[in-house]
N, C-alpha and C. Protein backbone atom coordinates (compact mmCIF):
# COMPACT_ATOMS: atom_id res chain seq x y z
N MET A 1 61.03 -31.90 82.77
CA MET A 1 61.71 -31.04 81.81
C MET A 1 60.90 -29.77 81.60
N GLY A 2 61.54 -28.61 81.76
CA GLY A 2 60.85 -27.34 81.58
C GLY A 2 60.92 -26.87 80.15
N LEU A 3 60.23 -25.77 79.89
CA LEU A 3 60.22 -25.18 78.56
C LEU A 3 60.04 -23.68 78.71
N GLY A 4 61.10 -22.93 78.44
CA GLY A 4 61.03 -21.48 78.44
C GLY A 4 61.06 -20.97 77.01
N VAL A 5 60.20 -20.01 76.70
CA VAL A 5 60.08 -19.50 75.33
C VAL A 5 60.32 -18.00 75.33
N GLU A 6 61.17 -17.55 74.42
CA GLU A 6 61.46 -16.12 74.30
C GLU A 6 60.21 -15.36 73.86
N THR A 7 60.10 -14.12 74.32
CA THR A 7 58.90 -13.34 74.06
C THR A 7 58.63 -13.17 72.57
N ASP A 8 59.64 -12.85 71.79
CA ASP A 8 59.42 -12.59 70.36
C ASP A 8 58.91 -13.84 69.66
N GLU A 9 59.50 -14.99 69.97
CA GLU A 9 59.05 -16.24 69.35
C GLU A 9 57.61 -16.55 69.74
N ALA A 10 57.32 -16.38 71.02
CA ALA A 10 55.97 -16.69 71.50
C ALA A 10 54.95 -15.70 70.94
N ARG A 11 55.34 -14.43 70.86
CA ARG A 11 54.42 -13.43 70.32
C ARG A 11 54.04 -13.77 68.88
N GLU A 12 55.03 -14.13 68.08
CA GLU A 12 54.76 -14.49 66.69
C GLU A 12 53.83 -15.70 66.59
N ALA A 13 54.11 -16.72 67.39
CA ALA A 13 53.31 -17.94 67.34
C ALA A 13 51.90 -17.69 67.86
N CYS A 14 51.77 -16.92 68.93
CA CYS A 14 50.46 -16.66 69.50
C CYS A 14 49.60 -15.84 68.54
N ALA A 15 50.17 -14.79 67.96
CA ALA A 15 49.41 -13.99 67.00
C ALA A 15 48.98 -14.83 65.81
N ALA A 16 49.88 -15.66 65.33
CA ALA A 16 49.55 -16.52 64.19
C ALA A 16 48.45 -17.51 64.56
N SER A 17 48.47 -18.00 65.82
CA SER A 17 47.46 -18.97 66.24
C SER A 17 46.09 -18.34 66.31
N VAL A 18 46.02 -17.09 66.76
CA VAL A 18 44.74 -16.38 66.82
C VAL A 18 44.21 -16.14 65.41
N GLU A 19 45.06 -15.63 64.55
CA GLU A 19 44.64 -15.36 63.18
C GLU A 19 44.22 -16.64 62.47
N GLY A 20 44.97 -17.70 62.69
CA GLY A 20 44.66 -18.98 62.04
C GLY A 20 43.35 -19.55 62.52
N PHE A 21 43.08 -19.45 63.82
CA PHE A 21 41.82 -19.98 64.34
C PHE A 21 40.64 -19.19 63.80
N VAL A 22 40.76 -17.88 63.74
CA VAL A 22 39.67 -17.07 63.20
C VAL A 22 39.40 -17.44 61.74
N ARG A 23 40.46 -17.62 60.97
CA ARG A 23 40.27 -18.02 59.56
C ARG A 23 39.61 -19.39 59.46
N ALA A 24 40.04 -20.31 60.31
CA ALA A 24 39.47 -21.66 60.28
C ALA A 24 37.98 -21.64 60.59
N ALA A 25 37.60 -20.88 61.62
CA ALA A 25 36.18 -20.80 61.98
C ALA A 25 35.38 -20.10 60.89
N ALA A 26 35.96 -19.06 60.30
CA ALA A 26 35.27 -18.32 59.25
C ALA A 26 35.05 -19.17 58.00
N GLY A 27 35.89 -20.16 57.81
CA GLY A 27 35.78 -21.03 56.64
C GLY A 27 34.71 -22.10 56.76
N LEU A 28 34.06 -22.17 57.92
CA LEU A 28 32.99 -23.16 58.15
C LEU A 28 31.64 -22.45 58.11
N ASP A 29 30.68 -23.01 57.37
CA ASP A 29 29.35 -22.39 57.38
C ASP A 29 28.59 -22.80 58.64
N GLU A 30 27.41 -22.25 58.81
CA GLU A 30 26.69 -22.46 60.06
C GLU A 30 26.36 -23.93 60.31
N LEU A 31 25.96 -24.63 59.27
CA LEU A 31 25.65 -26.05 59.45
C LEU A 31 26.91 -26.84 59.78
N GLU A 32 28.02 -26.48 59.15
CA GLU A 32 29.28 -27.17 59.45
C GLU A 32 29.70 -26.91 60.90
N LEU A 33 29.46 -25.70 61.39
CA LEU A 33 29.81 -25.39 62.78
C LEU A 33 28.99 -26.22 63.77
N LEU A 34 27.82 -26.65 63.36
CA LEU A 34 26.99 -27.47 64.23
C LEU A 34 27.36 -28.95 64.17
N GLY A 35 28.32 -29.29 63.32
CA GLY A 35 28.77 -30.67 63.22
C GLY A 35 29.78 -31.00 64.31
N ALA A 36 30.09 -32.28 64.40
CA ALA A 36 30.99 -32.77 65.46
C ALA A 36 32.41 -32.25 65.27
N SER A 37 33.05 -31.95 66.38
CA SER A 37 34.46 -31.57 66.39
C SER A 37 35.30 -32.79 66.72
N ARG A 38 36.59 -32.57 66.79
CA ARG A 38 37.49 -33.66 67.19
C ARG A 38 37.45 -33.88 68.70
N CYS A 39 36.93 -32.92 69.45
CA CYS A 39 36.83 -33.03 70.91
C CYS A 39 35.53 -33.74 71.25
N HIS A 40 35.62 -34.93 71.80
CA HIS A 40 34.44 -35.76 72.04
C HIS A 40 33.39 -35.01 72.87
N GLY A 41 32.15 -35.00 72.37
CA GLY A 41 31.05 -34.36 73.08
C GLY A 41 30.81 -32.92 72.70
N TRP A 42 31.71 -32.33 71.92
CA TRP A 42 31.56 -30.93 71.50
C TRP A 42 31.33 -30.84 70.01
N THR A 43 30.46 -29.89 69.62
CA THR A 43 30.38 -29.50 68.22
C THR A 43 31.53 -28.55 67.91
N ARG A 44 31.70 -28.25 66.64
CA ARG A 44 32.68 -27.23 66.29
C ARG A 44 32.31 -25.89 66.91
N LEU A 45 31.01 -25.62 66.98
CA LEU A 45 30.57 -24.36 67.58
C LEU A 45 30.92 -24.32 69.06
N ASP A 46 30.79 -25.43 69.76
CA ASP A 46 31.22 -25.49 71.16
C ASP A 46 32.69 -25.09 71.29
N VAL A 47 33.50 -25.58 70.37
CA VAL A 47 34.93 -25.24 70.40
C VAL A 47 35.11 -23.74 70.22
N VAL A 48 34.41 -23.16 69.26
CA VAL A 48 34.52 -21.72 69.01
C VAL A 48 34.13 -20.92 70.25
N VAL A 49 33.02 -21.28 70.87
CA VAL A 49 32.56 -20.55 72.06
C VAL A 49 33.54 -20.73 73.22
N HIS A 50 34.08 -21.92 73.36
CA HIS A 50 35.11 -22.16 74.38
C HIS A 50 36.32 -21.26 74.15
N VAL A 51 36.74 -21.12 72.92
CA VAL A 51 37.90 -20.29 72.60
C VAL A 51 37.60 -18.82 72.87
N ILE A 52 36.39 -18.37 72.54
CA ILE A 52 36.02 -16.99 72.86
C ILE A 52 36.22 -16.71 74.35
N ALA A 53 35.69 -17.60 75.20
CA ALA A 53 35.82 -17.42 76.64
C ALA A 53 37.28 -17.44 77.07
N GLY A 54 38.06 -18.33 76.47
CA GLY A 54 39.47 -18.40 76.81
C GLY A 54 40.21 -17.13 76.43
N TRP A 55 39.92 -16.60 75.26
CA TRP A 55 40.59 -15.37 74.83
C TRP A 55 40.20 -14.19 75.72
N GLN A 56 38.97 -14.16 76.17
CA GLN A 56 38.56 -13.10 77.10
C GLN A 56 39.34 -13.21 78.41
N GLU A 57 39.56 -14.43 78.88
CA GLU A 57 40.38 -14.62 80.07
C GLU A 57 41.82 -14.21 79.81
N MET A 58 42.32 -14.53 78.63
CA MET A 58 43.70 -14.20 78.28
C MET A 58 43.92 -12.70 78.30
N LEU A 59 42.91 -11.93 77.84
CA LEU A 59 43.02 -10.48 77.88
C LEU A 59 43.25 -9.99 79.31
N GLY A 60 42.60 -10.66 80.26
CA GLY A 60 42.82 -10.31 81.67
C GLY A 60 44.25 -10.53 82.09
N GLY A 61 44.86 -11.63 81.64
CA GLY A 61 46.25 -11.90 81.98
C GLY A 61 47.20 -10.89 81.36
N LEU A 62 46.89 -10.44 80.16
CA LEU A 62 47.76 -9.50 79.46
C LEU A 62 47.83 -8.14 80.15
N VAL A 63 46.81 -7.81 80.93
CA VAL A 63 46.80 -6.51 81.62
C VAL A 63 47.05 -6.70 83.12
N SER A 64 47.72 -7.82 83.48
CA SER A 64 47.99 -8.10 84.89
C SER A 64 49.48 -8.34 85.13
N PRO A 65 50.32 -7.31 84.91
CA PRO A 65 51.75 -7.47 85.17
C PRO A 65 52.05 -7.53 86.66
N VAL A 66 53.08 -8.28 87.02
CA VAL A 66 53.49 -8.41 88.42
C VAL A 66 55.01 -8.39 88.48
N ASP A 67 55.52 -8.18 89.68
CA ASP A 67 56.96 -8.15 89.88
C ASP A 67 57.51 -9.48 90.40
N GLY A 68 56.64 -10.44 90.73
CA GLY A 68 57.09 -11.70 91.29
C GLY A 68 57.81 -12.58 90.28
N GLU A 69 58.51 -13.57 90.82
CA GLU A 69 59.23 -14.52 89.97
C GLU A 69 58.25 -15.55 89.38
N PRO A 70 58.54 -16.08 88.19
CA PRO A 70 57.64 -17.07 87.58
C PRO A 70 57.47 -18.30 88.46
N THR A 71 56.24 -18.79 88.48
CA THR A 71 55.94 -20.02 89.22
C THR A 71 55.71 -21.20 88.29
N VAL A 72 55.49 -20.94 87.02
CA VAL A 72 55.33 -21.98 86.00
C VAL A 72 56.02 -21.52 84.73
N ASP A 73 56.33 -22.49 83.85
CA ASP A 73 56.84 -22.13 82.53
C ASP A 73 55.85 -22.62 81.48
N ALA A 74 56.25 -22.59 80.21
CA ALA A 74 55.32 -22.92 79.13
C ALA A 74 54.88 -24.37 79.17
N ALA A 75 55.66 -25.25 79.79
CA ALA A 75 55.27 -26.66 79.90
C ALA A 75 54.67 -26.97 81.26
N SER A 76 55.32 -26.53 82.34
CA SER A 76 54.84 -26.91 83.68
C SER A 76 53.47 -26.33 83.98
N TYR A 77 53.07 -25.28 83.29
CA TYR A 77 51.72 -24.75 83.47
C TYR A 77 50.67 -25.83 83.27
N TRP A 78 50.90 -26.71 82.27
CA TRP A 78 49.90 -27.72 81.95
C TRP A 78 49.77 -28.74 83.08
N ARG A 79 50.85 -29.05 83.76
CA ARG A 79 50.76 -29.93 84.93
C ARG A 79 49.97 -29.24 86.03
N ALA A 80 50.27 -27.96 86.25
CA ALA A 80 49.57 -27.22 87.30
C ALA A 80 48.08 -27.11 86.97
N PHE A 81 47.75 -26.93 85.70
CA PHE A 81 46.35 -26.85 85.30
C PHE A 81 45.64 -28.17 85.59
N ALA A 82 46.29 -29.28 85.26
CA ALA A 82 45.68 -30.59 85.48
C ALA A 82 45.45 -30.84 86.97
N GLU A 83 46.39 -30.41 87.81
CA GLU A 83 46.23 -30.60 89.25
C GLU A 83 45.09 -29.74 89.79
N GLN A 84 44.94 -28.54 89.22
CA GLN A 84 43.94 -27.60 89.72
C GLN A 84 42.54 -27.91 89.20
N TYR A 85 42.46 -28.30 87.93
CA TYR A 85 41.15 -28.43 87.30
C TYR A 85 40.84 -29.83 86.78
N GLY A 86 41.78 -30.74 86.91
CA GLY A 86 41.55 -32.09 86.39
C GLY A 86 40.37 -32.77 87.06
N ASP A 87 39.65 -33.56 86.26
CA ASP A 87 38.44 -34.23 86.77
C ASP A 87 38.29 -35.55 86.01
N ASP A 88 38.08 -36.62 86.76
CA ASP A 88 37.90 -37.91 86.11
C ASP A 88 36.55 -38.03 85.42
N ASP A 89 35.63 -37.11 85.71
CA ASP A 89 34.30 -37.12 85.10
C ASP A 89 34.12 -35.84 84.30
N PRO A 90 34.34 -35.87 82.98
CA PRO A 90 34.29 -34.65 82.17
C PRO A 90 32.88 -34.23 81.77
N VAL A 91 31.87 -35.03 82.12
CA VAL A 91 30.53 -34.78 81.61
C VAL A 91 29.99 -33.42 82.04
N ALA A 92 30.21 -33.04 83.29
CA ALA A 92 29.69 -31.77 83.78
C ALA A 92 30.24 -30.60 82.97
N ASP A 93 31.55 -30.63 82.69
CA ASP A 93 32.14 -29.55 81.89
C ASP A 93 31.60 -29.55 80.46
N LEU A 94 31.40 -30.73 79.90
CA LEU A 94 30.87 -30.81 78.54
C LEU A 94 29.46 -30.24 78.48
N MET A 95 28.64 -30.56 79.45
CA MET A 95 27.28 -30.05 79.46
C MET A 95 27.24 -28.55 79.73
N ALA A 96 28.14 -28.07 80.59
CA ALA A 96 28.20 -26.63 80.85
C ALA A 96 28.56 -25.87 79.58
N GLN A 97 29.48 -26.44 78.80
CA GLN A 97 29.85 -25.78 77.55
C GLN A 97 28.67 -25.74 76.59
N ARG A 98 27.90 -26.79 76.54
CA ARG A 98 26.72 -26.79 75.67
C ARG A 98 25.74 -25.70 76.07
N ARG A 99 25.58 -25.47 77.37
CA ARG A 99 24.68 -24.41 77.81
C ARG A 99 25.21 -23.04 77.42
N ARG A 100 26.52 -22.85 77.52
CA ARG A 100 27.09 -21.57 77.11
C ARG A 100 26.89 -21.35 75.61
N THR A 101 27.09 -22.40 74.85
CA THR A 101 26.93 -22.29 73.40
C THR A 101 25.49 -21.96 73.03
N ALA A 102 24.54 -22.53 73.77
CA ALA A 102 23.12 -22.32 73.47
C ALA A 102 22.69 -20.88 73.67
N SER A 103 23.51 -20.05 74.31
CA SER A 103 23.13 -18.66 74.52
C SER A 103 23.26 -17.83 73.24
N TYR A 104 23.91 -18.38 72.22
CA TYR A 104 24.05 -17.67 70.94
C TYR A 104 22.85 -18.00 70.05
N ALA A 105 22.26 -16.98 69.44
CA ALA A 105 21.08 -17.18 68.60
C ALA A 105 21.41 -18.02 67.37
N ARG A 106 22.59 -17.80 66.80
CA ARG A 106 23.02 -18.55 65.60
C ARG A 106 24.54 -18.73 65.67
N PRO A 107 25.05 -19.72 64.96
CA PRO A 107 26.51 -19.87 64.90
C PRO A 107 27.22 -18.61 64.41
N ALA A 108 26.59 -17.88 63.49
CA ALA A 108 27.22 -16.67 62.97
C ALA A 108 27.43 -15.63 64.06
N SER A 109 26.57 -15.61 65.08
CA SER A 109 26.74 -14.67 66.19
C SER A 109 28.04 -14.96 66.94
N ALA A 110 28.34 -16.25 67.09
CA ALA A 110 29.57 -16.64 67.80
C ALA A 110 30.80 -16.32 66.97
N THR A 111 30.77 -16.59 65.68
CA THR A 111 31.95 -16.31 64.87
C THR A 111 32.19 -14.80 64.75
N ALA A 112 31.12 -14.01 64.79
CA ALA A 112 31.29 -12.56 64.77
C ALA A 112 31.98 -12.09 66.05
N GLN A 113 31.57 -12.65 67.20
CA GLN A 113 32.22 -12.28 68.46
C GLN A 113 33.65 -12.79 68.49
N LEU A 114 33.88 -13.98 67.96
CA LEU A 114 35.24 -14.51 67.89
C LEU A 114 36.15 -13.53 67.15
N ARG A 115 35.67 -13.02 66.04
CA ARG A 115 36.47 -12.08 65.26
C ARG A 115 36.77 -10.81 66.06
N ASP A 116 35.75 -10.28 66.74
CA ASP A 116 35.94 -9.05 67.51
C ASP A 116 36.92 -9.26 68.67
N VAL A 117 36.73 -10.35 69.41
CA VAL A 117 37.62 -10.62 70.53
C VAL A 117 39.04 -10.89 70.01
N GLY A 118 39.13 -11.60 68.89
CA GLY A 118 40.43 -11.88 68.31
C GLY A 118 41.19 -10.62 67.93
N GLU A 119 40.47 -9.63 67.40
CA GLU A 119 41.13 -8.37 67.03
C GLU A 119 41.69 -7.66 68.26
N ALA A 120 40.89 -7.65 69.34
CA ALA A 120 41.37 -7.04 70.57
C ALA A 120 42.56 -7.80 71.14
N LEU A 121 42.49 -9.12 71.08
CA LEU A 121 43.56 -9.95 71.61
C LEU A 121 44.85 -9.74 70.83
N LEU A 122 44.75 -9.63 69.53
CA LEU A 122 45.96 -9.41 68.72
C LEU A 122 46.65 -8.11 69.10
N ARG A 123 45.88 -7.09 69.39
CA ARG A 123 46.49 -5.83 69.83
C ARG A 123 47.24 -6.04 71.14
N GLY A 124 46.63 -6.82 72.05
CA GLY A 124 47.29 -7.09 73.32
C GLY A 124 48.55 -7.93 73.17
N VAL A 125 48.48 -8.95 72.32
CA VAL A 125 49.64 -9.82 72.10
C VAL A 125 50.79 -9.03 71.50
N ARG A 126 50.50 -8.20 70.53
CA ARG A 126 51.56 -7.46 69.83
C ARG A 126 52.17 -6.37 70.69
N SER A 127 51.45 -5.90 71.69
CA SER A 127 51.98 -4.85 72.56
C SER A 127 52.50 -5.40 73.88
N CYS A 128 52.47 -6.72 74.05
CA CYS A 128 52.93 -7.33 75.29
C CYS A 128 54.41 -7.02 75.53
N GLY A 129 54.73 -6.52 76.70
CA GLY A 129 56.10 -6.15 77.03
C GLY A 129 56.87 -7.29 77.67
N GLU A 130 57.82 -6.95 78.53
CA GLU A 130 58.70 -7.96 79.14
C GLU A 130 58.41 -8.21 80.61
N ARG A 131 57.39 -7.55 81.17
CA ARG A 131 57.08 -7.79 82.58
C ARG A 131 56.37 -9.12 82.74
N HIS A 132 56.59 -9.76 83.88
CA HIS A 132 55.90 -11.01 84.16
C HIS A 132 54.41 -10.75 84.31
N LEU A 133 53.63 -11.80 84.05
CA LEU A 133 52.17 -11.70 84.07
C LEU A 133 51.59 -12.72 85.03
N THR A 134 50.47 -12.38 85.66
CA THR A 134 49.80 -13.33 86.53
C THR A 134 48.45 -13.70 85.93
N TRP A 135 48.15 -14.99 86.05
CA TRP A 135 46.89 -15.51 85.52
C TRP A 135 46.62 -16.87 86.17
N GLN A 136 45.38 -17.10 86.57
CA GLN A 136 44.97 -18.35 87.25
C GLN A 136 45.81 -18.64 88.48
N GLY A 137 46.29 -17.60 89.13
CA GLY A 137 47.08 -17.79 90.34
C GLY A 137 48.53 -18.12 90.09
N HIS A 138 48.96 -18.12 88.83
CA HIS A 138 50.35 -18.42 88.47
C HIS A 138 51.04 -17.15 87.97
N VAL A 139 52.36 -17.16 88.00
CA VAL A 139 53.15 -16.07 87.43
C VAL A 139 53.95 -16.64 86.26
N PHE A 140 53.86 -15.97 85.12
CA PHE A 140 54.51 -16.40 83.88
C PHE A 140 55.48 -15.32 83.40
N THR A 141 56.54 -15.74 82.71
CA THR A 141 57.21 -14.78 81.84
C THR A 141 56.26 -14.49 80.69
N PRO A 142 56.37 -13.33 80.03
CA PRO A 142 55.46 -13.06 78.93
C PRO A 142 55.58 -14.09 77.80
N GLY A 143 56.79 -14.57 77.55
CA GLY A 143 56.97 -15.56 76.50
C GLY A 143 56.26 -16.86 76.82
N ASP A 144 56.35 -17.31 78.06
CA ASP A 144 55.70 -18.57 78.44
C ASP A 144 54.18 -18.43 78.46
N PHE A 145 53.67 -17.27 78.87
CA PHE A 145 52.23 -17.03 78.86
C PHE A 145 51.70 -17.09 77.43
N LEU A 146 52.35 -16.37 76.53
CA LEU A 146 51.91 -16.36 75.13
C LEU A 146 52.07 -17.74 74.49
N ALA A 147 53.13 -18.45 74.86
CA ALA A 147 53.35 -19.78 74.30
C ALA A 147 52.25 -20.75 74.73
N ALA A 148 51.85 -20.70 76.01
CA ALA A 148 50.79 -21.58 76.48
C ALA A 148 49.50 -21.34 75.72
N TRP A 149 49.21 -20.10 75.40
CA TRP A 149 48.00 -19.81 74.65
C TRP A 149 48.12 -20.20 73.18
N ALA A 150 49.31 -20.09 72.62
CA ALA A 150 49.50 -20.57 71.25
C ALA A 150 49.22 -22.07 71.17
N VAL A 151 49.64 -22.80 72.20
CA VAL A 151 49.38 -24.25 72.26
C VAL A 151 47.88 -24.51 72.38
N GLU A 152 47.22 -23.79 73.28
CA GLU A 152 45.77 -23.94 73.44
C GLU A 152 45.04 -23.71 72.11
N ASP A 153 45.43 -22.66 71.41
CA ASP A 153 44.79 -22.35 70.13
C ASP A 153 45.07 -23.43 69.09
N ALA A 154 46.30 -23.94 69.08
CA ALA A 154 46.65 -24.97 68.11
C ALA A 154 45.82 -26.23 68.31
N VAL A 155 45.64 -26.64 69.56
CA VAL A 155 44.83 -27.83 69.85
C VAL A 155 43.40 -27.62 69.38
N HIS A 156 42.83 -26.49 69.71
CA HIS A 156 41.43 -26.26 69.34
C HIS A 156 41.26 -26.00 67.85
N HIS A 157 42.28 -25.49 67.21
CA HIS A 157 42.25 -25.37 65.75
C HIS A 157 42.14 -26.78 65.13
N LEU A 158 42.91 -27.70 65.63
CA LEU A 158 42.80 -29.08 65.16
C LEU A 158 41.42 -29.66 65.46
N ASP A 159 40.83 -29.26 66.57
CA ASP A 159 39.50 -29.74 66.93
C ASP A 159 38.45 -29.35 65.89
N LEU A 160 38.65 -28.23 65.21
CA LEU A 160 37.65 -27.76 64.25
C LEU A 160 37.56 -28.63 62.99
N LEU A 161 38.57 -29.45 62.75
CA LEU A 161 38.56 -30.29 61.54
C LEU A 161 38.33 -29.42 60.30
N ALA A 162 39.00 -28.29 60.25
CA ALA A 162 38.85 -27.32 59.17
C ALA A 162 39.94 -27.52 58.11
N ASP A 163 39.70 -26.95 56.94
CA ASP A 163 40.69 -27.01 55.87
C ASP A 163 41.89 -26.10 56.15
N GLU A 164 41.65 -25.03 56.89
CA GLU A 164 42.72 -24.08 57.22
C GLU A 164 43.75 -24.75 58.11
N PRO A 165 45.03 -24.80 57.68
CA PRO A 165 46.04 -25.47 58.51
C PRO A 165 46.40 -24.67 59.75
N VAL A 166 46.82 -25.36 60.77
CA VAL A 166 47.33 -24.70 61.97
C VAL A 166 48.65 -24.03 61.63
N PRO A 167 48.86 -22.77 62.01
CA PRO A 167 50.14 -22.11 61.72
C PRO A 167 51.31 -22.92 62.25
N ALA A 168 52.33 -23.04 61.43
CA ALA A 168 53.47 -23.90 61.77
C ALA A 168 54.15 -23.47 63.06
N SER A 169 54.23 -22.16 63.31
CA SER A 169 54.92 -21.69 64.52
C SER A 169 54.19 -22.14 65.78
N ALA A 170 52.86 -22.10 65.76
CA ALA A 170 52.09 -22.56 66.92
C ALA A 170 52.18 -24.07 67.06
N LEU A 171 52.15 -24.76 65.95
CA LEU A 171 52.23 -26.23 65.99
C LEU A 171 53.58 -26.68 66.53
N ARG A 172 54.65 -25.98 66.18
CA ARG A 172 55.98 -26.33 66.71
C ARG A 172 56.03 -26.15 68.22
N LEU A 173 55.45 -25.06 68.71
CA LEU A 173 55.43 -24.86 70.16
C LEU A 173 54.58 -25.92 70.85
N ALA A 174 53.47 -26.30 70.23
CA ALA A 174 52.64 -27.34 70.82
C ALA A 174 53.39 -28.66 70.89
N ARG A 175 54.12 -28.99 69.84
CA ARG A 175 54.91 -30.22 69.86
C ARG A 175 55.99 -30.15 70.94
N ALA A 176 56.68 -29.02 71.02
CA ALA A 176 57.74 -28.88 72.02
C ALA A 176 57.17 -29.02 73.43
N THR A 177 55.96 -28.53 73.64
CA THR A 177 55.33 -28.63 74.96
C THR A 177 55.02 -30.08 75.30
N VAL A 178 54.44 -30.79 74.35
CA VAL A 178 54.13 -32.21 74.59
C VAL A 178 55.41 -32.99 74.86
N GLU A 179 56.44 -32.74 74.09
CA GLU A 179 57.71 -33.46 74.28
C GLU A 179 58.33 -33.14 75.63
N ALA A 180 58.18 -31.90 76.09
CA ALA A 180 58.73 -31.52 77.40
C ALA A 180 57.99 -32.21 78.54
N LEU A 181 56.70 -32.48 78.33
CA LEU A 181 55.88 -33.08 79.38
C LEU A 181 55.86 -34.61 79.34
N ALA A 182 56.09 -35.18 78.17
CA ALA A 182 56.01 -36.64 78.03
C ALA A 182 57.11 -37.32 78.83
N PRO A 183 56.80 -38.41 79.52
CA PRO A 183 57.80 -39.07 80.36
C PRO A 183 58.82 -39.89 79.57
N GLU A 184 58.58 -40.10 78.29
CA GLU A 184 59.52 -40.85 77.47
C GLU A 184 59.50 -40.28 76.05
N PRO A 185 60.56 -40.53 75.27
CA PRO A 185 60.60 -40.00 73.91
C PRO A 185 59.43 -40.52 73.08
N LEU A 186 58.90 -39.67 72.22
CA LEU A 186 57.79 -40.05 71.37
C LEU A 186 58.30 -40.68 70.08
N PRO A 187 57.48 -41.48 69.42
CA PRO A 187 57.93 -42.15 68.19
C PRO A 187 58.46 -41.16 67.16
N ALA A 188 59.61 -41.48 66.59
CA ALA A 188 60.24 -40.58 65.62
C ALA A 188 59.42 -40.42 64.35
N THR A 189 58.52 -41.35 64.11
CA THR A 189 57.70 -41.28 62.89
C THR A 189 56.53 -40.31 63.01
N TRP A 190 56.24 -39.81 64.22
CA TRP A 190 55.12 -38.90 64.41
C TRP A 190 55.47 -37.51 63.91
N ASP A 191 54.59 -36.93 63.11
CA ASP A 191 54.79 -35.54 62.71
C ASP A 191 54.19 -34.63 63.78
N ASP A 192 54.26 -33.31 63.55
CA ASP A 192 53.80 -32.37 64.58
C ASP A 192 52.33 -32.58 64.94
N VAL A 193 51.50 -32.79 63.93
CA VAL A 193 50.07 -32.99 64.20
C VAL A 193 49.84 -34.26 65.01
N ASP A 194 50.53 -35.34 64.66
CA ASP A 194 50.41 -36.59 65.41
C ASP A 194 50.74 -36.37 66.89
N VAL A 195 51.84 -35.66 67.13
CA VAL A 195 52.28 -35.43 68.50
C VAL A 195 51.25 -34.62 69.28
N VAL A 196 50.74 -33.58 68.66
CA VAL A 196 49.80 -32.71 69.36
C VAL A 196 48.47 -33.43 69.62
N LEU A 197 47.99 -34.16 68.64
CA LEU A 197 46.73 -34.90 68.84
C LEU A 197 46.87 -35.93 69.95
N ALA A 198 47.99 -36.63 69.99
CA ALA A 198 48.22 -37.61 71.05
C ALA A 198 48.41 -36.91 72.39
N GLY A 199 49.15 -35.80 72.39
CA GLY A 199 49.41 -35.09 73.62
C GLY A 199 48.16 -34.47 74.23
N ALA A 200 47.19 -34.16 73.38
CA ALA A 200 45.94 -33.58 73.85
C ALA A 200 44.85 -34.63 74.06
N GLY A 201 45.17 -35.88 73.85
CA GLY A 201 44.21 -36.94 74.06
C GLY A 201 43.16 -37.06 72.98
N ARG A 202 43.42 -36.49 71.82
CA ARG A 202 42.45 -36.56 70.73
C ARG A 202 42.53 -37.86 69.95
N VAL A 203 43.63 -38.56 70.08
CA VAL A 203 43.76 -39.90 69.50
C VAL A 203 44.33 -40.82 70.57
N ARG A 204 44.00 -42.08 70.48
CA ARG A 204 44.50 -43.05 71.45
C ARG A 204 45.91 -43.49 71.06
N THR A 205 46.70 -43.73 72.06
CA THR A 205 48.07 -44.17 71.83
C THR A 205 48.50 -45.09 72.97
N ASP A 206 49.45 -45.93 72.68
CA ASP A 206 50.01 -46.82 73.70
C ASP A 206 51.19 -46.20 74.43
N VAL A 207 51.57 -44.97 74.06
CA VAL A 207 52.72 -44.32 74.70
C VAL A 207 52.34 -43.95 76.13
N ALA A 208 53.16 -44.36 77.07
CA ALA A 208 52.88 -44.10 78.48
C ALA A 208 52.92 -42.61 78.78
N GLY A 209 52.04 -42.17 79.66
CA GLY A 209 52.08 -40.79 80.12
C GLY A 209 51.28 -39.81 79.31
N LEU A 210 50.69 -40.25 78.20
CA LEU A 210 49.86 -39.35 77.40
C LEU A 210 48.40 -39.62 77.70
N PRO A 211 47.56 -38.59 77.60
CA PRO A 211 47.82 -37.21 77.18
C PRO A 211 48.44 -36.37 78.30
N VAL A 212 49.00 -35.23 77.91
CA VAL A 212 49.66 -34.34 78.88
C VAL A 212 49.10 -32.92 78.85
N LEU A 213 48.25 -32.62 77.88
CA LEU A 213 47.66 -31.28 77.79
C LEU A 213 46.23 -31.33 78.32
N GLY A 214 45.90 -30.43 79.24
CA GLY A 214 44.57 -30.41 79.82
C GLY A 214 43.52 -29.90 78.87
């Protein structure tokens, strides 16, 4: 099952996800940032530094318009990502992230850069037009590209275990993505957060085919 997202809807959700993540990180003091995140093996600061790198990559996609037809949509991108980068042994990636995080003198240095990169990214998201974009060797409609990043931000916002809630628009897109990828209907009793946490592998579940987000 595919998932196509209109540009205006995705733009709103993506901008909200960036703003929400920045607020969530800003609401944590330096000692709290050094505490455990919801992502096994990462501190909250590791999550912040990972998001900084992701947003820098996203800026590259925003300035890479192409004329080709889309090769992935907002949901199928996650399958393509898993095929390209999936690894049964996550330890190497976890340790690499710790080394990247260690390059910051203090947690406050990372949150300051997060804010600066976020401001630049918001300008790019808000000015994104209707041309298709290429990133990681794939071609996206602008709506599907922005939607995939709103989902990424929503997952990592939940990883921070912060008081700041994930913006509802991003959370809805994340749920829709998980539902599009899941091989069977998810329990009707699950709310949006339940679905996203299960879809991202942050909680264990007996539902077949999960997790589906890389």
